[in-house]
Amino acid sequence: MTLTSTRALMDRAAAAGTGLGSFNVLHLETAEAIVQGAEAVGLPVILQISQNCVAYHGSLEPLGAACLAVAAGARVPVALHLDHADDEELVHEAVRLGFSSVMYDGAHLPYGENVAVTTRVVKHAEPFGVYVEAELGRVGGKHGAHYPGVRTDPFEAADFALSTGVDALAVAVGSSHAMTTRSARLDLELIRELRAALDIPLVLHGSSGVPDAMLVAGIAAGLTKINVSTHLNGFFTRAVRQVLGNDQDLVDSRTYLSAGRSALASEAGRLLSLFSRTVPADKG
């Protein structure tokens, strides 16, 4: 229980053919909510802090230390992950602070440069036992690997994984970041092709825009780590907005943050239960 490694959680989920929720932390209340939701359903979870979140707070260590403390006190296994970092120094800091996994995002780079930098990150992380996730989308995707229409090529993905030694790969299969409507359609056939081409777990970013049934189908087709941020943030914000709208004189931030925390916790638990369903592998 409590603080555990991303590698252990990913290996277990991949072997079972289930999905593993990895949810973004924006502030302490988010981390508390995610863990509360996981505890309510008795399932593991990954807390992840993005480079954008680090920029918002001004540094990684305070929020990272808080998340490590929340994870250590949890009644379910919780791991801590650095999400979407394209700053190698930030990756090194996360390793030094005790994060059990990091995601180096070089999808915006030319293929050869992405391979070179990702390989360097893997070599740095390996002595510390830190699990490394990388990202690969079609070269030329103007707005990144998860912009609509961008896709990961299975042959290129296999070469990338072999060349870099990464532990998991974020793939572009139809989702897009920051969607507030759940209307994205995953390319299930491409997921199956990627699963057949690779012997490492596949990661879905931009999951907020994917409806429940398609997430389940994507997991059956071969996805393991399911990242969610915007969708959960919506539950938090709507709850805060409702409390503030009902009491114009309210000034104690704990009151409305508690409402947001409770709303996010409930939905986090529901998503973890959804992802953990054991379904027959989708053979196409």
C-alpha atoms as a PDB file:
ATOM      1  CA  MET A   1       0.000   0.000   0.000  1.00  0.00           C
ATOM      2  CA  THR A   2       0.903   3.695   0.128  1.00  0.00           C
ATOM      3  CA  LEU A   3       3.708   5.104  -2.028  1.00  0.00           C
ATOM      4  CA  THR A   4       4.703   2.621  -4.703  1.00  0.00           C
ATOM      5  CA  SER A   5       6.477   2.601  -8.045  1.00  0.00           C
ATOM      6  CA  THR A   6       4.933   3.358 -11.401  1.00  0.00           C
ATOM      7  CA  ARG A   7       6.730   0.330 -12.809  1.00  0.00           C
ATOM      8  CA  ALA A   8       4.973  -2.032 -10.393  1.00  0.00           C
ATOM      9  CA  LEU A   9       1.549  -0.559 -11.181  1.00  0.00           C
ATOM     10  CA  MET A  10       2.129  -0.560 -14.940  1.00  0.00           C
ATOM     11  CA  ASP A  11       3.450  -4.126 -14.993  1.00  0.00           C
ATOM     12  CA  ARG A  12       0.424  -5.316 -13.040  1.00  0.00           C
ATOM     13  CA  ALA A  13      -2.101  -3.512 -15.229  1.00  0.00           C
ATOM     14  CA  ALA A  14      -0.436  -4.583 -18.474  1.00  0.00           C
ATOM     15  CA  ALA A  15      -0.360  -8.217 -17.359  1.00  0.00           C
ATOM     16  CA  ALA A  16      -4.036  -8.090 -16.381  1.00  0.00           C
ATOM     17  CA  GLY A  17      -5.129  -6.260 -19.531  1.00  0.00           C
ATOM     18  CA  THR A  18      -6.714  -3.479 -17.503  1.00  0.00           C
ATOM     19  CA  GLY A  19      -6.285   0.283 -17.594  1.00  0.00           C
ATOM     20  CA  LEU A  20      -4.435   2.315 -14.980  1.00  0.00           C
ATOM     21  CA  GLY A  21      -5.588   5.841 -14.194  1.00  0.00           C
ATOM     22  CA  SER A  22      -2.966   8.592 -14.141  1.00  0.00           C
ATOM     23  CA  PHE A  23      -4.546  11.866 -13.052  1.00  0.00           C
ATOM     24  CA  ASN A  24      -3.070  15.354 -13.115  1.00  0.00           C
ATOM     25  CA  VAL A  25      -2.450  17.296  -9.927  1.00  0.00           C
ATOM     26  CA  LEU A  26      -2.947  21.067 -10.089  1.00  0.00           C
ATOM     27  CA  HIS A  27      -2.669  21.807  -6.370  1.00  0.00           C
ATOM     28  CA  LEU A  28      -2.814  19.999  -3.039  1.00  0.00           C
ATOM     29  CA  GLU A  29      -6.617  19.654  -3.075  1.00  0.00           C
ATOM     30  CA  THR A  30      -6.414  17.825  -6.413  1.00  0.00           C
ATOM     31  CA  ALA A  31      -3.907  15.331  -5.056  1.00  0.00           C
ATOM     32  CA  GLU A  32      -6.029  14.741  -1.964  1.00  0.00           C
ATOM     33  CA  ALA A  33      -9.150  14.274  -4.089  1.00  0.00           C
ATOM     34  CA  ILE A  34      -7.525  11.790  -6.454  1.00  0.00           C
ATOM     35  CA  VAL A  35      -6.265   9.665  -3.576  1.00  0.00           C
ATOM     36  CA  GLN A  36      -9.631   9.867  -1.789  1.00  0.00           C
ATOM     37  CA  GLY A  37     -11.319   8.619  -4.947  1.00  0.00           C
ATOM     38  CA  ALA A  38      -8.843   5.768  -5.286  1.00  0.00           C
ATOM     39  CA  GLU A  39      -9.303   4.786  -1.652  1.00  0.00           C
ATOM     40  CA  ALA A  40     -13.092   4.802  -2.023  1.00  0.00           C
ATOM     41  CA  VAL A  41     -12.921   2.138  -4.742  1.00  0.00           C
ATOM     42  CA  GLY A  42      -9.825   0.341  -3.442  1.00  0.00           C
ATOM     43  CA  LEU A  43      -7.762   0.803  -6.597  1.00  0.00           C
ATOM     44  CA  PRO A  44      -4.255   2.104  -7.329  1.00  0.00           C
ATOM     45  CA  VAL A  45      -3.640   5.421  -9.053  1.00  0.00           C
ATOM     46  CA  ILE A  46      -0.816   7.535 -10.422  1.00  0.00           C
ATOM     47  CA  LEU A  47      -0.559  11.187  -9.407  1.00  0.00           C
ATOM     48  CA  GLN A  48       1.100  13.218 -12.120  1.00  0.00           C
ATOM     49  CA  ILE A  49       2.471  16.754 -12.171  1.00  0.00           C
ATOM     50  CA  SER A  50       2.984  18.390 -15.551  1.00  0.00           C
ATOM     51  CA  GLN A  51       5.651  20.851 -16.593  1.00  0.00           C
ATOM     52  CA  ASN A  52       2.861  23.414 -17.082  1.00  0.00           C
ATOM     53  CA  CYS A  53       1.800  22.887 -13.461  1.00  0.00           C
ATOM     54  CA  VAL A  54       5.392  23.367 -12.317  1.00  0.00           C
ATOM     55  CA  ALA A  55       5.481  26.675 -14.212  1.00  0.00           C
ATOM     56  CA  TYR A  56       2.262  27.753 -12.470  1.00  0.00           C
ATOM     57  CA  HIS A  57       3.690  27.040  -9.007  1.00  0.00           C
ATOM     58  CA  GLY A  58       7.149  28.337  -9.848  1.00  0.00           C
ATOM     59  CA  SER A  59       8.981  25.155  -8.865  1.00  0.00           C
ATOM     60  CA  LEU A  60       8.508  21.402  -8.606  1.00  0.00           C
ATOM     61  CA  GLU A  61       9.683  20.589  -5.103  1.00  0.00           C
ATOM     62  CA  PRO A  62       6.871  22.007  -2.881  1.00  0.00           C
ATOM     63  CA  LEU A  63       4.020  20.340  -4.756  1.00  0.00           C
ATOM     64  CA  GLY A  64       6.107  17.230  -5.436  1.00  0.00           C
ATOM     65  CA  ALA A  65       6.888  16.859  -1.729  1.00  0.00           C
ATOM     66  CA  ALA A  66       3.219  17.329  -0.876  1.00  0.00           C
ATOM     67  CA  CYS A  67       2.194  14.619  -3.355  1.00  0.00           C
ATOM     68  CA  LEU A  68       4.796  12.237  -1.982  1.00  0.00           C
ATOM     69  CA  ALA A  69       3.371  12.834   1.502  1.00  0.00           C
ATOM     70  CA  VAL A  70      -0.215  12.287   0.325  1.00  0.00           C
ATOM     71  CA  ALA A  71       0.838   9.073  -1.434  1.00  0.00           C
ATOM     72  CA  ALA A  72       2.730   7.828   1.629  1.00  0.00           C
ATOM     73  CA  GLY A  73      -0.391   8.193   3.749  1.00  0.00           C
ATOM     74  CA  ALA A  74      -2.749   6.542   1.274  1.00  0.00           C
ATOM     75  CA  ARG A  75      -4.553   3.245   1.912  1.00  0.00           C
ATOM     76  CA  VAL A  76      -4.067   2.174  -1.708  1.00  0.00           C
ATOM     77  CA  PRO A  77      -0.930   2.036  -3.879  1.00  0.00           C
ATOM     78  CA  VAL A  78      -0.099   5.480  -5.264  1.00  0.00           C
ATOM     79  CA  ALA A  79       2.790   6.422  -7.568  1.00  0.00           C
ATOM     80  CA  LEU A  80       4.126   9.854  -8.540  1.00  0.00           C
ATOM     81  CA  HIS A  81       4.893  10.783 -12.154  1.00  0.00           C
ATOM     82  CA  LEU A  82       6.256  13.834 -13.984  1.00  0.00           C
ATOM     83  CA  ASP A  83       4.024  14.519 -16.983  1.00  0.00           C
ATOM     84  CA  HIS A  84       4.829  16.190 -20.327  1.00  0.00           C
ATOM     85  CA  ALA A  85       8.284  17.525 -19.569  1.00  0.00           C
ATOM     86  CA  ASP A  86      10.437  18.759 -22.412  1.00  0.00           C
ATOM     87  CA  ASP A  87      12.988  20.257 -20.002  1.00  0.00           C
ATOM     88  CA  GLU A  88      15.721  17.719 -19.215  1.00  0.00           C
ATOM     89  CA  GLU A  89      16.725  19.567 -16.057  1.00  0.00           C
ATOM     90  CA  LEU A  90      13.165  19.251 -14.751  1.00  0.00           C
ATOM     91  CA  VAL A  91      13.308  15.516 -15.462  1.00  0.00           C
ATOM     92  CA  HIS A  92      16.542  15.286 -13.472  1.00  0.00           C
ATOM     93  CA  GLU A  93      14.964  17.193 -10.590  1.00  0.00           C
ATOM     94  CA  ALA A  94      11.970  14.835 -10.508  1.00  0.00           C
ATOM     95  CA  VAL A  95      14.313  11.849 -10.370  1.00  0.00           C
ATOM     96  CA  ARG A  96      16.251  13.491  -7.553  1.00  0.00           C
ATOM     97  CA  LEU A  97      13.068  14.251  -5.569  1.00  0.00           C
ATOM     98  CA  GLY A  98      11.893  10.633  -5.666  1.00  0.00           C
ATOM     99  CA  PHE A  99       9.357  10.506  -8.502  1.00  0.00           C
ATOM    100  CA  SER A 100       9.124   6.907  -9.678  1.00  0.00           C
ATOM    101  CA  SER A 101       8.457   7.819 -13.305  1.00  0.00           C
ATOM    102  CA  VAL A 102       8.975  10.664 -15.738  1.00  0.00           C
ATOM    103  CA  MET A 103       7.609  11.477 -19.154  1.00  0.00           C
ATOM    104  CA  TYR A 104       9.994  13.163 -21.544  1.00  0.00           C
ATOM    105  CA  ASP A 105       7.987  14.714 -24.372  1.00  0.00           C
ATOM    106  CA  GLY A 106      10.092  15.076 -27.499  1.00  0.00           C
ATOM    107  CA  ALA A 107       7.232  14.614 -29.954  1.00  0.00           C
ATOM    108  CA  HIS A 108       7.728  18.163 -31.235  1.00  0.00           C
ATOM    109  CA  LEU A 109      11.315  17.383 -32.235  1.00  0.00           C
ATOM    110  CA  PRO A 110      12.534  15.856 -35.487  1.00  0.00           C
ATOM    111  CA  TYR A 111      12.522  12.081 -35.147  1.00  0.00           C
ATOM    112  CA  GLY A 112      16.284  11.668 -34.812  1.00  0.00           C
ATOM    113  CA  GLU A 113      16.558  14.360 -32.166  1.00  0.00           C
ATOM    114  CA  ASN A 114      13.632  12.881 -30.239  1.00  0.00           C
ATOM    115  CA  VAL A 115      15.445   9.525 -30.221  1.00  0.00           C
ATOM    116  CA  ALA A 116      18.724  11.095 -29.077  1.00  0.00           C
ATOM    117  CA  VAL A 117      17.289  13.140 -26.208  1.00  0.00           C
ATOM    118  CA  THR A 118      14.903  10.401 -25.048  1.00  0.00           C
ATOM    119  CA  THR A 119      17.789   7.917 -24.983  1.00  0.00           C
ATOM    120  CA  ARG A 120      19.755  10.339 -22.835  1.00  0.00           C
ATOM    121  CA  VAL A 121      16.827  10.644 -20.420  1.00  0.00           C
ATOM    122  CA  VAL A 122      16.486   6.844 -20.194  1.00  0.00           C
ATOM    123  CA  LYS A 123      20.182   6.451 -19.409  1.00  0.00           C
ATOM    124  CA  HIS A 124      19.976   9.096 -16.694  1.00  0.00           C
ATOM    125  CA  ALA A 125      16.891   7.524 -15.080  1.00  0.00           C
ATOM    126  CA  GLU A 126      17.967   3.885 -15.265  1.00  0.00           C
ATOM    127  CA  PRO A 127      20.391   3.825 -12.289  1.00  0.00           C
ATOM    128  CA  PHE A 128      17.601   5.201 -10.078  1.00  0.00           C
ATOM    129  CA  GLY A 129      15.037   2.634 -11.237  1.00  0.00           C
ATOM    130  CA  VAL A 130      12.864   5.418 -12.650  1.00  0.00           C
ATOM    131  CA  TYR A 131      10.325   4.383 -15.285  1.00  0.00           C
ATOM    132  CA  VAL A 132      10.443   6.498 -18.468  1.00  0.00           C
ATOM    133  CA  GLU A 133       7.515   7.326 -20.715  1.00  0.00           C
ATOM    134  CA  ALA A 134       8.077   9.024 -24.058  1.00  0.00           C
ATOM    135  CA  GLU A 135       5.845  10.333 -26.821  1.00  0.00           C
ATOM    136  CA  LEU A 136       5.741   9.796 -30.543  1.00  0.00           C
ATOM    137  CA  GLY A 137       3.351  11.235 -33.094  1.00  0.00           C
ATOM    138  CA  ARG A 138       3.643  11.680 -36.818  1.00  0.00           C
ATOM    139  CA  VAL A 139       6.483  14.080 -37.654  1.00  0.00           C
ATOM    140  CA  GLY A 140       4.969  17.302 -38.924  1.00  0.00           C
ATOM    141  CA  GLY A 141       2.059  17.429 -36.503  1.00  0.00           C
ATOM    142  CA  LYS A 142       1.958  21.220 -36.205  1.00  0.00           C
ATOM    143  CA  HIS A 143       0.258  21.299 -32.806  1.00  0.00           C
ATOM    144  CA  GLY A 144       1.811  18.191 -31.285  1.00  0.00           C
ATOM    145  CA  ALA A 145       1.187  14.472 -31.241  1.00  0.00           C
ATOM    146  CA  HIS A 146      -2.379  14.800 -29.989  1.00  0.00           C
ATOM    147  CA  TYR A 147      -3.657  17.391 -32.434  1.00  0.00           C
ATOM    148  CA  PRO A 148      -6.626  15.994 -34.400  1.00  0.00           C
ATOM    149  CA  GLY A 149      -5.445  14.025 -37.415  1.00  0.00           C
ATOM    150  CA  VAL A 150      -1.966  13.277 -36.085  1.00  0.00           C
ATOM    151  CA  ARG A 151      -1.209   9.575 -35.687  1.00  0.00           C
ATOM    152  CA  THR A 152       1.668   7.425 -34.442  1.00  0.00           C
ATOM    153  CA  ASP A 153       3.150   5.105 -37.050  1.00  0.00           C
ATOM    154  CA  PRO A 154       3.550   1.515 -35.725  1.00  0.00           C
ATOM    155  CA  PHE A 155       6.808   0.852 -37.587  1.00  0.00           C
ATOM    156  CA  GLU A 156       8.336   4.108 -36.414  1.00  0.00           C
ATOM    157  CA  ALA A 157       7.083   3.399 -32.872  1.00  0.00           C
ATOM    158  CA  ALA A 158       8.763  -0.017 -32.827  1.00  0.00           C
ATOM    159  CA  ASP A 159      12.027   1.517 -34.018  1.00  0.00           C
ATOM    160  CA  PHE A 160      11.750   4.330 -31.474  1.00  0.00           C
ATOM    161  CA  ALA A 161      11.141   1.946 -28.564  1.00  0.00           C
ATOM    162  CA  LEU A 162      14.048  -0.285 -29.580  1.00  0.00           C
ATOM    163  CA  SER A 163      16.389   2.670 -30.128  1.00  0.00           C
ATOM    164  CA  THR A 164      15.631   4.491 -26.879  1.00  0.00           C
ATOM    165  CA  GLY A 165      14.831   1.721 -24.388  1.00  0.00           C
ATOM    166  CA  VAL A 166      11.777   3.573 -23.031  1.00  0.00           C
ATOM    167  CA  ASP A 167       9.417   1.752 -20.684  1.00  0.00           C
ATOM    168  CA  ALA A 168       6.123   3.093 -22.085  1.00  0.00           C
ATOM    169  CA  LEU A 169       5.020   5.089 -25.102  1.00  0.00           C
ATOM    170  CA  ALA A 170       2.353   7.775 -25.379  1.00  0.00           C
ATOM    171  CA  VAL A 171       0.726   7.341 -28.770  1.00  0.00           C
ATOM    172  CA  ALA A 172      -1.425   9.553 -30.973  1.00  0.00           C
ATOM    173  CA  VAL A 173      -4.541   7.530 -31.790  1.00  0.00           C
ATOM    174  CA  GLY A 174      -7.343  10.096 -32.021  1.00  0.00           C
ATOM    175  CA  SER A 175      -7.496  11.901 -28.688  1.00  0.00           C
ATOM    176  CA  SER A 176      -6.639  15.559 -28.163  1.00  0.00           C
ATOM    177  CA  HIS A 177      -5.618  17.555 -25.115  1.00  0.00           C
ATOM    178  CA  ALA A 178      -7.922  19.921 -23.189  1.00  0.00           C
ATOM    179  CA  MET A 179     -11.201  18.773 -24.754  1.00  0.00           C
ATOM    180  CA  THR A 180     -14.243  19.811 -22.732  1.00  0.00           C
ATOM    181  CA  THR A 181     -16.646  17.639 -24.728  1.00  0.00           C
ATOM    182  CA  ARG A 182     -16.349  13.850 -24.784  1.00  0.00           C
ATOM    183  CA  SER A 183     -16.646  13.415 -28.538  1.00  0.00           C
ATOM    184  CA  ALA A 184     -13.241  12.054 -29.600  1.00  0.00           C
ATOM    185  CA  ARG A 185     -13.092   8.749 -31.425  1.00  0.00           C
ATOM    186  CA  LEU A 186     -10.102   6.499 -30.935  1.00  0.00           C
ATOM    187  CA  ASP A 187      -8.558   4.627 -33.844  1.00  0.00           C
ATOM    188  CA  LEU A 188      -8.971   1.159 -32.382  1.00  0.00           C
ATOM    189  CA  GLU A 189      -7.361  -0.586 -35.336  1.00  0.00           C
ATOM    190  CA  LEU A 190      -4.258   1.572 -34.951  1.00  0.00           C
ATOM    191  CA  ILE A 191      -4.146   0.778 -31.219  1.00  0.00           C
ATOM    192  CA  ARG A 192      -4.218  -2.924 -32.052  1.00  0.00           C
ATOM    193  CA  GLU A 193      -1.411  -2.452 -34.596  1.00  0.00           C
ATOM    194  CA  LEU A 194       0.690  -0.533 -32.091  1.00  0.00           C
ATOM    195  CA  ARG A 195       0.065  -3.157 -29.412  1.00  0.00           C
ATOM    196  CA  ALA A 196       1.234  -5.877 -31.836  1.00  0.00           C
ATOM    197  CA  ALA A 197       4.307  -3.893 -32.856  1.00  0.00           C
ATOM    198  CA  LEU A 198       5.487  -3.011 -29.344  1.00  0.00           C
ATOM    199  CA  ASP A 199       6.305  -4.961 -26.205  1.00  0.00           C
ATOM    200  CA  ILE A 200       5.935  -1.947 -23.893  1.00  0.00           C
ATOM    201  CA  PRO A 201       2.692  -0.445 -22.523  1.00  0.00           C
ATOM    202  CA  LEU A 202       0.790   2.178 -24.515  1.00  0.00           C
ATOM    203  CA  VAL A 203      -0.317   5.460 -22.930  1.00  0.00           C
ATOM    204  CA  LEU A 204      -3.327   7.555 -23.898  1.00  0.00           C
ATOM    205  CA  HIS A 205      -3.103  11.310 -23.382  1.00  0.00           C
ATOM    206  CA  GLY A 206      -6.065  13.601 -23.936  1.00  0.00           C
ATOM    207  CA  SER A 207      -8.454  11.053 -22.461  1.00  0.00           C
ATOM    208  CA  SER A 208     -10.839  13.731 -21.170  1.00  0.00           C
ATOM    209  CA  GLY A 209     -12.419  14.011 -24.603  1.00  0.00           C
ATOM    210  CA  VAL A 210     -13.010  10.268 -24.990  1.00  0.00           C
ATOM    211  CA  PRO A 211     -16.382   8.781 -23.934  1.00  0.00           C
ATOM    212  CA  ASP A 212     -16.516   5.934 -21.425  1.00  0.00           C
ATOM    213  CA  ALA A 213     -17.375   3.170 -23.894  1.00  0.00           C
ATOM    214  CA  MET A 214     -14.539   4.131 -26.201  1.00  0.00           C
ATOM    215  CA  LEU A 215     -12.058   4.257 -23.320  1.00  0.00           C
ATOM    216  CA  VAL A 216     -13.049   0.704 -22.395  1.00  0.00           C
ATOM    217  CA  ALA A 217     -12.702  -0.343 -26.047  1.00  0.00           C
ATOM    218  CA  GLY A 218      -9.296   1.339 -26.223  1.00  0.00           C
ATOM    219  CA  ILE A 219      -8.094  -0.536 -23.160  1.00  0.00           C
ATOM    220  CA  ALA A 220      -9.338  -3.807 -24.674  1.00  0.00           C
ATOM    221  CA  ALA A 221      -7.444  -2.952 -27.878  1.00  0.00           C
ATOM    222  CA  GLY A 222      -4.194  -2.436 -25.970  1.00  0.00           C
ATOM    223  CA  LEU A 223      -3.998   0.820 -23.995  1.00  0.00           C
ATOM    224  CA  THR A 224      -2.705   0.644 -20.405  1.00  0.00           C
ATOM    225  CA  LYS A 225      -2.051   4.067 -18.857  1.00  0.00           C
ATOM    226  CA  ILE A 226      -4.962   6.484 -19.196  1.00  0.00           C
ATOM    227  CA  ASN A 227      -4.173  10.134 -18.468  1.00  0.00           C
ATOM    228  CA  VAL A 228      -6.992  12.448 -17.385  1.00  0.00           C
ATOM    229  CA  SER A 229      -6.896  16.109 -16.401  1.00  0.00           C
ATOM    230  CA  THR A 230      -9.456  18.455 -18.015  1.00  0.00           C
ATOM    231  CA  HIS A 231     -12.419  16.163 -17.355  1.00  0.00           C
ATOM    232  CA  LEU A 232     -11.658  15.953 -13.644  1.00  0.00           C
ATOM    233  CA  ASN A 233     -10.916  19.671 -13.415  1.00  0.00           C
ATOM    234  CA  GLY A 234     -14.406  20.310 -14.742  1.00  0.00           C
ATOM    235  CA  PHE A 235     -15.977  18.493 -11.802  1.00  0.00           C
ATOM    236  CA  PHE A 236     -13.858  20.463  -9.356  1.00  0.00           C
ATOM    237  CA  THR A 237     -14.620  23.824 -10.962  1.00  0.00           C
ATOM    238  CA  ARG A 238     -18.353  23.256 -11.359  1.00  0.00           C
ATOM    239  CA  ALA A 239     -18.650  22.352  -7.675  1.00  0.00           C
ATOM    240  CA  VAL A 240     -16.706  25.452  -6.631  1.00  0.00           C
ATOM    241  CA  ARG A 241     -18.806  27.639  -8.922  1.00  0.00           C
ATOM    242  CA  GLN A 242     -22.019  26.256  -7.432  1.00  0.00           C
ATOM    243  CA  VAL A 243     -20.951  26.905  -3.837  1.00  0.00           C
ATOM    244  CA  LEU A 244     -19.832  30.440  -4.597  1.00  0.00           C
ATOM    245  CA  GLY A 245     -22.993  31.123  -6.582  1.00  0.00           C
ATOM    246  CA  ASN A 246     -25.136  30.042  -3.644  1.00  0.00           C
ATOM    247  CA  ASP A 247     -23.359  32.225  -1.092  1.00  0.00           C
ATOM    248  CA  GLN A 248     -22.149  35.636  -2.227  1.00  0.00           C
ATOM    249  CA  ASP A 249     -20.780  36.369   1.265  1.00  0.00           C
ATOM    250  CA  LEU A 250     -18.556  33.296   1.488  1.00  0.00           C
ATOM    251  CA  VAL A 251     -14.883  34.142   2.040  1.00  0.00           C
ATOM    252  CA  ASP A 252     -13.425  30.967   3.575  1.00  0.00           C
ATOM    253  CA  SER A 253     -11.768  29.206   0.641  1.00  0.00           C
ATOM    254  CA  ARG A 254     -11.802  25.882   2.487  1.00  0.00           C
ATOM    255  CA  THR A 255     -15.562  25.703   2.064  1.00  0.00           C
ATOM    256  CA  TYR A 256     -15.611  25.856  -1.720  1.00  0.00           C
ATOM    257  CA  LEU A 257     -12.355  23.956  -2.170  1.00  0.00           C
ATOM    258  CA  SER A 258     -13.809  21.130  -0.081  1.00  0.00           C
ATOM    259  CA  ALA A 259     -16.774  20.951  -2.443  1.00  0.00           C
ATOM    260  CA  GLY A 260     -14.443  20.811  -5.435  1.00  0.00           C
ATOM    261  CA  ARG A 261     -12.315  18.157  -3.774  1.00  0.00           C
ATOM    262  CA  SER A 262     -15.341  15.960  -3.046  1.00  0.00           C
ATOM    263  CA  ALA A 263     -16.685  16.261  -6.587  1.00  0.00           C
ATOM    264  CA  LEU A 264     -13.342  15.396  -8.148  1.00  0.00           C
ATOM    265  CA  ALA A 265     -12.833  12.467  -5.763  1.00  0.00           C
ATOM    266  CA  SER A 266     -16.142  10.917  -6.732  1.00  0.00           C
ATOM    267  CA  GLU A 267     -15.428  11.099 -10.465  1.00  0.00           C
ATOM    268  CA  ALA A 268     -11.830   9.920 -10.026  1.00  0.00           C
ATOM    269  CA  GLY A 269     -13.090   6.808  -8.268  1.00  0.00           C
ATOM    270  CA  ARG A 270     -15.653   6.181 -10.993  1.00  0.00           C
ATOM    271  CA  LEU A 271     -13.039   6.442 -13.734  1.00  0.00           C
ATOM    272  CA  LEU A 272     -10.642   4.132 -11.913  1.00  0.00           C
ATOM    273  CA  SER A 273     -13.403   1.536 -11.629  1.00  0.00           C
ATOM    274  CA  LEU A 274     -14.174   1.939 -15.338  1.00  0.00           C
ATOM    275  CA  PHE A 275     -10.539   1.484 -16.355  1.00  0.00           C
ATOM    276  CA  SER A 276     -10.023  -1.538 -14.115  1.00  0.00           C
ATOM    277  CA  ARG A 277     -12.650  -3.709 -15.769  1.00  0.00           C
ATOM    278  CA  THR A 278     -11.155  -6.905 -17.092  1.00  0.00           C
ATOM    279  CA  VAL A 279     -12.423  -7.354 -20.626  1.00  0.00           C
ATOM    280  CA  PRO A 280     -11.439  -9.881 -23.290  1.00  0.00           C
ATOM    281  CA  ALA A 281      -8.519  -8.663 -25.384  1.00  0.00           C
ATOM    282  CA  ASP A 282      -9.737  -7.083 -28.616  1.00  0.00           C
ATOM    283  CA  LYS A 283      -8.255  -9.104 -31.469  1.00  0.00           C
ATOM    284  CA  GLY A 284      -9.903  -6.948 -34.099  1.00  0.00           C
END
